Amino acid sequence: MITKARAELSPQQLTIMQLSWDGLSIKETAAWMGLSDRTVKNYRNNIYEKLGVSNVEGMLRQGVERGFLTISSRVQEWP
């Protein structure tokens, strides 16, 4: 089931959240996605606003609480 909050996050935002969960920095995330650092920062800020948080820790906490992220997803390997 897709929750309202999940529906409000774009696929790119969900990917950025997952990569943050996996421990990638903004610079690493940008390189992995083929985006600029500034674009990733803008995506993150939009996620923060949608989730009502002010930092990456809050984003990840909300990601787990809302079911976007799971503990098992943390151990997946990214290509």
PDB file of N, CA and C in Angstrom:
ATOM      1  N   MET A   1       0.836  -1.176   0.000  1.00  0.00           N
ATOM      2  CA  MET A   1       0.000   0.000   0.000  1.00  0.00           C
ATOM      3  C   MET A   1       0.887   1.248   0.000  1.00  0.00           C
ATOM      4  N   ILE A   2       0.534   2.212  -0.815  1.00  0.00           N
ATOM      5  CA  ILE A   2       1.296   3.457  -0.889  1.00  0.00           C
ATOM      6  C   ILE A   2       0.618   4.483   0.014  1.00  0.00           C
ATOM      7  N   THR A   3       1.371   4.974   0.986  1.00  0.00           N
ATOM      8  CA  THR A   3       0.831   5.987   1.882  1.00  0.00           C
ATOM      9  C   THR A   3       0.843   7.340   1.185  1.00  0.00           C
ATOM     10  N   LYS A   4       0.085   8.301   1.731  1.00  0.00           N
ATOM     11  CA  LYS A   4       0.042   9.641   1.148  1.00  0.00           C
ATOM     12  C   LYS A   4       1.437  10.253   1.108  1.00  0.00           C
ATOM     13  N   ALA A   5       2.180  10.125   2.213  1.00  0.00           N
ATOM     14  CA  ALA A   5       3.530  10.703   2.259  1.00  0.00           C
ATOM     15  C   ALA A   5       4.422  10.073   1.200  1.00  0.00           C
ATOM     16  N   ARG A   6       4.317   8.758   1.038  1.00  0.00           N
ATOM     17  CA  ARG A   6       5.152   8.090   0.027  1.00  0.00           C
ATOM     18  C   ARG A   6       4.786   8.590  -1.360  1.00  0.00           C
ATOM     19  N   ALA A   7       3.489   8.758  -1.608  1.00  0.00           N
ATOM     20  CA  ALA A   7       3.038   9.239  -2.910  1.00  0.00           C
ATOM     21  C   ALA A   7       3.554  10.653  -3.171  1.00  0.00           C
ATOM     22  N   GLU A   8       3.790  11.415  -2.107  1.00  0.00           N
ATOM     23  CA  GLU A   8       4.273  12.786  -2.262  1.00  0.00           C
ATOM     24  C   GLU A   8       5.775  12.851  -2.518  1.00  0.00           C
ATOM     25  N   LEU A   9       6.496  11.776  -2.264  1.00  0.00           N
ATOM     26  CA  LEU A   9       7.930  11.753  -2.530  1.00  0.00           C
ATOM     27  C   LEU A   9       8.165  11.180  -3.918  1.00  0.00           C
ATOM     28  N   SER A  10       8.967  11.889  -4.698  1.00  0.00           N
ATOM     29  CA  SER A  10       9.263  11.429  -6.060  1.00  0.00           C
ATOM     30  C   SER A  10      10.216  10.235  -6.004  1.00  0.00           C
ATOM     31  N   PRO A  11      10.314   9.492  -7.099  1.00  0.00           N
ATOM     32  CA  PRO A  11      11.286   8.389  -7.145  1.00  0.00           C
ATOM     33  C   PRO A  11      12.712   8.870  -6.850  1.00  0.00           C
ATOM     34  N   GLN A  12      13.071  10.059  -7.343  1.00  0.00           N
ATOM     35  CA  GLN A  12      14.410  10.598  -7.082  1.00  0.00           C
ATOM     36  C   GLN A  12      14.591  10.888  -5.590  1.00  0.00           C
ATOM     37  N   GLN A  13      13.566  11.433  -4.958  1.00  0.00           N
ATOM     38  CA  GLN A  13      13.652  11.717  -3.529  1.00  0.00           C
ATOM     39  C   GLN A  13      13.786  10.429  -2.727  1.00  0.00           C
ATOM     40  N   LEU A  14      13.034   9.405  -3.103  1.00  0.00           N
ATOM     41  CA  LEU A  14      13.150   8.121  -2.416  1.00  0.00           C
ATOM     42  C   LEU A  14      14.541   7.515  -2.606  1.00  0.00           C
ATOM     43  N   THR A  15      15.120   7.681  -3.797  1.00  0.00           N
ATOM     44  CA  THR A  15      16.476   7.187  -4.046  1.00  0.00           C
ATOM     45  C   THR A  15      17.483   7.938  -3.184  1.00  0.00           C
ATOM     46  N   ILE A  16      17.339   9.245  -3.103  1.00  0.00           N
ATOM     47  CA  ILE A  16      18.255  10.044  -2.276  1.00  0.00           C
ATOM     48  C   ILE A  16      18.132   9.643  -0.816  1.00  0.00           C
ATOM     49  N   MET A  17      16.913   9.401  -0.353  1.00  0.00           N
ATOM     50  CA  MET A  17      16.722   8.948   1.025  1.00  0.00           C
ATOM     51  C   MET A  17      17.418   7.608   1.235  1.00  0.00           C
ATOM     52  N   GLN A  18      17.257   6.677   0.303  1.00  0.00           N
ATOM     53  CA  GLN A  18      17.883   5.362   0.423  1.00  0.00           C
ATOM     54  C   GLN A  18      19.402   5.470   0.427  1.00  0.00           C
ATOM     55  N   LEU A  19      19.955   6.293  -0.453  1.00  0.00           N
ATOM     56  CA  LEU A  19      21.413   6.441  -0.505  1.00  0.00           C
ATOM     57  C   LEU A  19      21.942   7.087   0.772  1.00  0.00           C
ATOM     58  N   SER A  20      21.191   8.018   1.336  1.00  0.00           N
ATOM     59  CA  SER A  20      21.570   8.611   2.627  1.00  0.00           C
ATOM     60  C   SER A  20      21.547   7.539   3.709  1.00  0.00           C
ATOM     61  N   TRP A  21      20.533   6.696   3.685  1.00  0.00           N
ATOM     62  CA  TRP A  21      20.411   5.583   4.626  1.00  0.00           C
ATOM     63  C   TRP A  21      21.611   4.647   4.502  1.00  0.00           C
ATOM     64  N   ASP A  22      22.096   4.489   3.283  1.00  0.00           N
ATOM     65  CA  ASP A  22      23.252   3.628   3.031  1.00  0.00           C
ATOM     66  C   ASP A  22      24.570   4.304   3.392  1.00  0.00           C
ATOM     67  N   GLY A  23      24.506   5.560   3.826  1.00  0.00           N
ATOM     68  CA  GLY A  23      25.695   6.247   4.314  1.00  0.00           C
ATOM     69  C   GLY A  23      26.431   7.097   3.293  1.00  0.00           C
ATOM     70  N   LEU A  24      25.857   7.292   2.110  1.00  0.00           N
ATOM     71  CA  LEU A  24      26.523   8.109   1.104  1.00  0.00           C
ATOM     72  C   LEU A  24      26.383   9.589   1.446  1.00  0.00           C
ATOM     73  N   SER A  25      27.431  10.338   1.191  1.00  0.00           N
ATOM     74  CA  SER A  25      27.411  11.786   1.380  1.00  0.00           C
ATOM     75  C   SER A  25      26.661  12.435   0.223  1.00  0.00           C
ATOM     76  N   ILE A  26      26.431  13.729   0.336  1.00  0.00           N
ATOM     77  CA  ILE A  26      25.790  14.463  -0.758  1.00  0.00           C
ATOM     78  C   ILE A  26      26.631  14.333  -2.029  1.00  0.00           C
ATOM     79  N   LYS A  27      27.931  14.498  -1.891  1.00  0.00           N
ATOM     80  CA  LYS A  27      28.828  14.414  -3.055  1.00  0.00           C
ATOM     81  C   LYS A  27      28.783  13.017  -3.686  1.00  0.00           C
ATOM     82  N   GLU A  28      28.813  11.963  -2.861  1.00  0.00           N
ATOM     83  CA  GLU A  28      28.747  10.597  -3.371  1.00  0.00           C
ATOM     84  C   GLU A  28      27.394  10.304  -4.019  1.00  0.00           C
ATOM     85  N   THR A  29      26.325  10.804  -3.394  1.00  0.00           N
ATOM     86  CA  THR A  29      24.982  10.619  -3.944  1.00  0.00           C
ATOM     87  C   THR A  29      24.873  11.303  -5.302  1.00  0.00           C
ATOM     88  N   ALA A  30      25.402  12.521  -5.382  1.00  0.00           N
ATOM     89  CA  ALA A  30      25.359  13.263  -6.644  1.00  0.00           C
ATOM     90  C   ALA A  30      26.093  12.498  -7.746  1.00  0.00           C
ATOM     91  N   ALA A  31      27.261  11.982  -7.431  1.00  0.00           N
ATOM     92  CA  ALA A  31      28.032  11.229  -8.419  1.00  0.00           C
ATOM     93  C   ALA A  31      27.290   9.957  -8.835  1.00  0.00           C
ATOM     94  N   TRP A  32      26.711   9.251  -7.870  1.00  0.00           N
ATOM     95  CA  TRP A  32      26.002   8.003  -8.150  1.00  0.00           C
ATOM     96  C   TRP A  32      24.790   8.242  -9.044  1.00  0.00           C
ATOM     97  N   MET A  33      24.099   9.383  -8.813  1.00  0.00           N
ATOM     98  CA  MET A  33      22.883   9.683  -9.574  1.00  0.00           C
ATOM     99  C   MET A  33      23.146  10.525 -10.818  1.00  0.00           C
ATOM    100  N   GLY A  34      24.376  11.006 -10.999  1.00  0.00           N
ATOM    101  CA  GLY A  34      24.690  11.841 -12.155  1.00  0.00           C
ATOM    102  C   GLY A  34      24.094  13.238 -12.042  1.00  0.00           C
ATOM    103  N   LEU A  35      24.027  13.749 -10.803  1.00  0.00           N
ATOM    104  CA  LEU A  35      23.470  15.075 -10.529  1.00  0.00           C
ATOM    105  C   LEU A  35      24.540  15.953  -9.909  1.00  0.00           C
ATOM    106  N   SER A  36      24.262  17.244  -9.814  1.00  0.00           N
ATOM    107  CA  SER A  36      25.176  18.138  -9.112  1.00  0.00           C
ATOM    108  C   SER A  36      24.914  18.046  -7.607  1.00  0.00           C
ATOM    109  N   ASP A  37      25.915  18.434  -6.830  1.00  0.00           N
ATOM    110  CA  ASP A  37      25.749  18.477  -5.377  1.00  0.00           C
ATOM    111  C   ASP A  37      24.567  19.369  -5.005  1.00  0.00           C
ATOM    112  N   ARG A  38      24.460  20.489  -5.671  1.00  0.00           N
ATOM    113  CA  ARG A  38      23.389  21.446  -5.373  1.00  0.00           C
ATOM    114  C   ARG A  38      22.003  20.835  -5.616  1.00  0.00           C
ATOM    115  N   THR A  39      21.875  20.052  -6.678  1.00  0.00           N
ATOM    116  CA  THR A  39      20.593  19.409  -6.974  1.00  0.00           C
ATOM    117  C   THR A  39      20.226  18.417  -5.869  1.00  0.00           C
ATOM    118  N   VAL A  40      21.197  17.640  -5.410  1.00  0.00           N
ATOM    119  CA  VAL A  40      20.937  16.688  -4.324  1.00  0.00           C
ATOM    120  C   VAL A  40      20.548  17.444  -3.057  1.00  0.00           C
ATOM    121  N   LYS A  41      21.229  18.545  -2.756  1.00  0.00           N
ATOM    122  CA  LYS A  41      20.863  19.350  -1.585  1.00  0.00           C
ATOM    123  C   LYS A  41      19.437  19.871  -1.710  1.00  0.00           C
ATOM    124  N   ASN A  42      19.056  20.304  -2.903  1.00  0.00           N
ATOM    125  CA  ASN A  42      17.690  20.785  -3.118  1.00  0.00           C
ATOM    126  C   ASN A  42      16.675  19.659  -2.923  1.00  0.00           C
ATOM    127  N   TYR A  43      16.972  18.482  -3.458  1.00  0.00           N
ATOM    128  CA  TYR A  43      16.098  17.327  -3.243  1.00  0.00           C
ATOM    129  C   TYR A  43      15.959  17.034  -1.754  1.00  0.00           C
ATOM    130  N   ARG A  44      17.071  17.023  -1.037  1.00  0.00           N
ATOM    131  CA  ARG A  44      17.029  16.750   0.402  1.00  0.00           C
ATOM    132  C   ARG A  44      16.179  17.784   1.129  1.00  0.00           C
ATOM    133  N   ASN A  45      16.384  19.056   0.803  1.00  0.00           N
ATOM    134  CA  ASN A  45      15.599  20.101   1.461  1.00  0.00           C
ATOM    135  C   ASN A  45      14.110  19.940   1.192  1.00  0.00           C
ATOM    136  N   ASN A  46      13.760  19.528  -0.024  1.00  0.00           N
ATOM    137  CA  ASN A  46      12.353  19.282  -0.334  1.00  0.00           C
ATOM    138  C   ASN A  46      11.808  18.085   0.456  1.00  0.00           C
ATOM    139  N   ILE A  47      12.621  17.062   0.632  1.00  0.00           N
ATOM    140  CA  ILE A  47      12.223  15.918   1.448  1.00  0.00           C
ATOM    141  C   ILE A  47      11.989  16.376   2.883  1.00  0.00           C
ATOM    142  N   TYR A  48      12.933  17.159   3.424  1.00  0.00           N
ATOM    143  CA  TYR A  48      12.796  17.659   4.794  1.00  0.00           C
ATOM    144  C   TYR A  48      11.468  18.386   4.966  1.00  0.00           C
ATOM    145  N   GLU A  49      11.152  19.243   4.015  1.00  0.00           N
ATOM    146  CA  GLU A  49       9.921  20.013   4.086  1.00  0.00           C
ATOM    147  C   GLU A  49       8.689  19.104   4.058  1.00  0.00           C
ATOM    148  N   LYS A  50       8.695  18.139   3.152  1.00  0.00           N
ATOM    149  CA  LYS A  50       7.554  17.232   3.044  1.00  0.00           C
ATOM    150  C   LYS A  50       7.364  16.383   4.298  1.00  0.00           C
ATOM    151  N   LEU A  51       8.468  16.016   4.944  1.00  0.00           N
ATOM    152  CA  LEU A  51       8.395  15.162   6.130  1.00  0.00           C
ATOM    153  C   LEU A  51       8.328  15.955   7.428  1.00  0.00           C
ATOM    154  N   GLY A  52       8.498  17.270   7.341  1.00  0.00           N
ATOM    155  CA  GLY A  52       8.447  18.110   8.533  1.00  0.00           C
ATOM    156  C   GLY A  52       9.646  17.938   9.447  1.00  0.00           C
ATOM    157  N   VAL A  53      10.826  17.776   8.847  1.00  0.00           N
ATOM    158  CA  VAL A  53      12.069  17.612   9.607  1.00  0.00           C
ATOM    159  C   VAL A  53      13.072  18.672   9.165  1.00  0.00           C
ATOM    160  N   SER A  54      14.194  18.761   9.893  1.00  0.00           N
ATOM    161  CA  SER A  54      15.161  19.809   9.562  1.00  0.00           C
ATOM    162  C   SER A  54      16.566  19.296   9.277  1.00  0.00           C
ATOM    163  N   ASN A  55      16.757  17.960   9.311  1.00  0.00           N
ATOM    164  CA  ASN A  55      18.099  17.441   9.058  1.00  0.00           C
ATOM    165  C   ASN A  55      18.030  15.998   8.574  1.00  0.00           C
ATOM    166  N   VAL A  56      19.189  15.466   8.196  1.00  0.00           N
ATOM    167  CA  VAL A  56      19.238  14.116   7.627  1.00  0.00           C
ATOM    168  C   VAL A  56      18.809  13.062   8.654  1.00  0.00           C
ATOM    169  N   GLU A  57      19.158  13.268   9.925  1.00  0.00           N
ATOM    170  CA  GLU A  57      18.761  12.304  10.949  1.00  0.00           C
ATOM    171  C   GLU A  57      17.241  12.223  11.052  1.00  0.00           C
ATOM    172  N   GLY A  58      16.577  13.381  11.016  1.00  0.00           N
ATOM    173  CA  GLY A  58      15.118  13.414  11.049  1.00  0.00           C
ATOM    174  C   GLY A  58      14.517  12.761   9.813  1.00  0.00           C
ATOM    175  N   MET A  59      15.138  13.007   8.672  1.00  0.00           N
ATOM    176  CA  MET A  59      14.664  12.404   7.421  1.00  0.00           C
ATOM    177  C   MET A  59      14.739  10.882   7.515  1.00  0.00           C
ATOM    178  N   LEU A  60      15.864  10.365   7.999  1.00  0.00           N
ATOM    179  CA  LEU A  60      16.034   8.918   8.079  1.00  0.00           C
ATOM    180  C   LEU A  60      15.101   8.315   9.125  1.00  0.00           C
ATOM    181  N   ARG A  61      14.923   9.008  10.254  1.00  0.00           N
ATOM    182  CA  ARG A  61      13.996   8.527  11.278  1.00  0.00           C
ATOM    183  C   ARG A  61      12.584   8.428  10.718  1.00  0.00           C
ATOM    184  N   GLN A  62      12.154   9.481  10.014  1.00  0.00           N
ATOM    185  CA  GLN A  62      10.829   9.468   9.404  1.00  0.00           C
ATOM    186  C   GLN A  62      10.742   8.409   8.303  1.00  0.00           C
ATOM    187  N   GLY A  63      11.834   8.211   7.580  1.00  0.00           N
ATOM    188  CA  GLY A  63      11.863   7.183   6.545  1.00  0.00           C
ATOM    189  C   GLY A  63      11.602   5.800   7.112  1.00  0.00           C
ATOM    190  N   VAL A  64      12.193   5.512   8.257  1.00  0.00           N
ATOM    191  CA  VAL A  64      11.973   4.219   8.915  1.00  0.00           C
ATOM    192  C   VAL A  64      10.556   4.160   9.473  1.00  0.00           C
ATOM    193  N   GLU A  65      10.143   5.206  10.189  1.00  0.00           N
ATOM    194  CA  GLU A  65       8.824   5.213  10.818  1.00  0.00           C
ATOM    195  C   GLU A  65       7.692   5.111   9.803  1.00  0.00           C
ATOM    196  N   ARG A  66       7.879   5.700   8.621  1.00  0.00           N
ATOM    197  CA  ARG A  66       6.834   5.687   7.592  1.00  0.00           C
ATOM    198  C   ARG A  66       6.958   4.504   6.632  1.00  0.00           C
ATOM    199  N   GLY A  67       7.960   3.674   6.848  1.00  0.00           N
ATOM    200  CA  GLY A  67       8.104   2.464   6.049  1.00  0.00           C
ATOM    201  C   GLY A  67       8.819   2.633   4.718  1.00  0.00           C
ATOM    202  N   PHE A  68       9.465   3.794   4.506  1.00  0.00           N
ATOM    203  CA  PHE A  68      10.237   3.982   3.272  1.00  0.00           C
ATOM    204  C   PHE A  68      11.536   3.194   3.341  1.00  0.00           C
ATOM    205  N   LEU A  69      12.072   3.060   4.541  1.00  0.00           N
ATOM    206  CA  LEU A  69      13.356   2.401   4.773  1.00  0.00           C
ATOM    207  C   LEU A  69      13.163   1.295   5.791  1.00  0.00           C
ATOM    208  N   THR A  70      13.930   0.232   5.657  1.00  0.00           N
ATOM    209  CA  THR A  70      13.911  -0.838   6.640  1.00  0.00           C
ATOM    210  C   THR A  70      15.342  -1.149   7.036  1.00  0.00           C
ATOM    211  N   ILE A  71      15.476  -1.781   8.169  1.00  0.00           N
ATOM    212  CA  ILE A  71      16.810  -2.161   8.619  1.00  0.00           C
ATOM    213  C   ILE A  71      17.470  -3.059   7.573  1.00  0.00           C
ATOM    214  N   SER A  72      16.719  -3.993   7.002  1.00  0.00           N
ATOM    215  CA  SER A  72      17.302  -4.895   6.007  1.00  0.00           C
ATOM    216  C   SER A  72      17.723  -4.153   4.741  1.00  0.00           C
ATOM    217  N   SER A  73      17.063  -3.023   4.424  1.00  0.00           N
ATOM    218  CA  SER A  73      17.458  -2.279   3.226  1.00  0.00           C
ATOM    219  C   SER A  73      18.820  -1.627   3.404  1.00  0.00           C
ATOM    220  N   ARG A  74      19.268  -1.493   4.633  1.00  0.00           N
ATOM    221  CA  ARG A  74      20.549  -0.856   4.910  1.00  0.00           C
ATOM    222  C   ARG A  74      21.713  -1.713   4.461  1.00  0.00           C
ATOM    223  N   VAL A  75      21.523  -3.015   4.375  1.00  0.00           N
ATOM    224  CA  VAL A  75      22.642  -3.901   4.047  1.00  0.00           C
ATOM    225  C   VAL A  75      22.697  -4.280   2.576  1.00  0.00           C
ATOM    226  N   GLN A  76      21.800  -3.743   1.774  1.00  0.00           N
ATOM    227  CA  GLN A  76      21.833  -4.038   0.341  1.00  0.00           C
ATOM    228  C   GLN A  76      23.055  -3.410  -0.303  1.00  0.00           C
ATOM    229  N   GLU A  77      23.550  -4.062  -1.301  1.00  0.00           N
ATOM    230  CA  GLU A  77      24.692  -3.547  -2.070  1.00  0.00           C
ATOM    231  C   GLU A  77      24.190  -2.698  -3.213  1.00  0.00           C
ATOM    232  N   TRP A  78      24.783  -1.550  -3.425  1.00  0.00           N
ATOM    233  CA  TRP A  78      24.463  -0.707  -4.579  1.00  0.00           C
ATOM    234  C   TRP A  78      25.493  -0.971  -5.651  1.00  0.00           C
ATOM    235  N   PRO A  79      25.054  -0.995  -6.908  1.00  0.00           N
ATOM    236  CA  PRO A  79      26.012  -1.268  -8.004  1.00  0.00           C
ATOM    237  C   PRO A  79      27.077  -0.199  -8.127  1.00  0.00           C
TER     238      PRO A  79
END
